[in-house]
Amino acid sequence: MADGGYLEHKTVAGDRWDMLAWKYYGDASKQTILLEANRELYLEPIRVPDLILAPGITLKVPVLEAEQVALESDLPPWKRGGGGEP
């Protein structure tokens, strides 16, 4: 999964797992990678992580190998930075 390293992210008001996955990996569905890397925040087995994170939490963000990160060209047009124009 991780290339061996981690970045740190200090949460601010309104941070969500999916938004952080989009920010760091370009793919909101990779939020499970962030959840797994920060499992110690949710040690109780039946505890579901909060969708919106409290401010001030330091999260580990695994550094992924290049092929694990979504390329903009792999995204549907409406998710590309160019506004969906061909």
Protein backbone atom coordinates (compact mmCIF):
# COMPACT_ATOMS: atom_id res chain seq x y z
CA MET A 1 0.00 0.00 0.00
CA ALA A 2 2.33 2.76 1.16
CA ASP A 3 5.67 3.43 -0.45
CA GLY A 4 7.17 3.38 3.04
CA GLY A 5 6.58 6.95 4.06
CA TYR A 6 3.89 9.11 5.54
CA LEU A 7 2.94 12.75 5.37
CA GLU A 8 1.20 14.42 8.28
CA HIS A 9 -2.01 16.38 7.95
CA LYS A 10 -3.40 18.48 10.79
CA THR A 11 -7.17 18.65 10.45
CA VAL A 12 -9.08 21.90 10.23
CA ALA A 13 -12.79 22.54 10.67
CA GLY A 14 -14.77 20.78 7.96
CA ASP A 15 -12.13 18.21 6.93
CA ARG A 16 -13.66 14.94 5.77
CA TRP A 17 -12.01 11.61 4.97
CA ASP A 18 -13.18 11.67 1.36
CA MET A 19 -12.04 15.26 0.81
CA LEU A 20 -8.59 14.45 2.19
CA ALA A 21 -8.36 11.39 -0.06
CA TRP A 22 -9.20 13.63 -3.03
CA LYS A 23 -6.65 16.22 -1.93
CA TYR A 24 -3.77 13.78 -1.49
CA TYR A 25 -4.63 11.02 -3.99
CA GLY A 26 -7.00 12.58 -6.51
CA ASP A 27 -9.55 9.87 -5.67
CA ALA A 28 -12.15 10.17 -2.90
CA SER A 29 -12.61 6.39 -2.84
CA LYS A 30 -9.08 6.04 -1.45
CA GLN A 31 -10.35 7.30 1.91
CA THR A 32 -10.07 3.69 3.14
CA ILE A 33 -6.27 4.04 2.88
CA LEU A 34 -6.43 7.03 5.23
CA LEU A 35 -8.80 5.23 7.60
CA GLU A 36 -6.51 2.18 7.78
CA ALA A 37 -3.42 4.33 8.39
CA ASN A 38 -5.17 6.10 11.27
CA ARG A 39 -6.96 3.11 12.80
CA GLU A 40 -5.51 3.93 16.23
CA LEU A 41 -7.94 6.86 16.39
CA TYR A 42 -10.81 4.35 16.36
CA LEU A 43 -9.67 1.40 18.48
CA GLU A 44 -13.14 0.26 19.47
CA PRO A 45 -14.15 -2.40 16.93
CA ILE A 46 -17.75 -1.22 16.56
CA ARG A 47 -16.93 2.49 16.48
CA VAL A 48 -17.58 4.04 13.10
CA PRO A 49 -15.20 6.91 12.28
CA ASP A 50 -16.83 10.32 12.12
CA LEU A 51 -17.40 11.59 8.59
CA ILE A 52 -16.37 15.14 9.53
CA LEU A 53 -13.14 15.25 11.50
CA ALA A 54 -12.59 17.45 14.52
CA PRO A 55 -10.01 20.21 14.04
CA GLY A 56 -6.51 19.69 15.42
CA ILE A 57 -6.10 15.94 14.82
CA THR A 58 -2.78 14.92 13.26
CA LEU A 59 -3.39 12.24 10.64
CA LYS A 60 -0.91 9.98 8.87
CA VAL A 61 -1.22 10.16 5.08
CA PRO A 62 0.56 7.21 3.43
CA VAL A 63 2.71 8.09 0.43
CA LEU A 64 1.52 5.88 -2.43
CA GLU A 65 3.46 4.59 -5.39
CA ALA A 66 2.79 6.59 -8.56
CA GLU A 67 0.61 3.91 -10.19
CA GLN A 68 -1.72 3.90 -7.16
CA VAL A 69 -2.63 7.58 -7.58
CA ALA A 70 -5.37 8.51 -10.05
CA LEU A 71 -4.16 10.42 -13.08
CA GLU A 72 -6.35 13.28 -14.24
CA SER A 73 -6.58 11.64 -17.67
CA ASP A 74 -8.16 8.57 -16.02
CA LEU A 75 -10.96 10.66 -14.51
CA PRO A 76 -14.34 11.25 -16.14
CA PRO A 77 -14.54 14.67 -17.86
CA TRP A 78 -16.63 16.27 -15.12
CA LYS A 79 -13.93 15.54 -12.52
CA ARG A 80 -11.02 16.91 -14.54
CA GLY A 81 -9.57 20.31 -13.73
CA GLY A 82 -10.27 21.69 -17.23
CA GLY A 83 -14.00 22.10 -16.65
CA GLY A 84 -15.00 19.09 -18.74
CA GLU A 85 -14.04 20.52 -22.14
CA PRO A 86 -12.40 18.05 -24.59
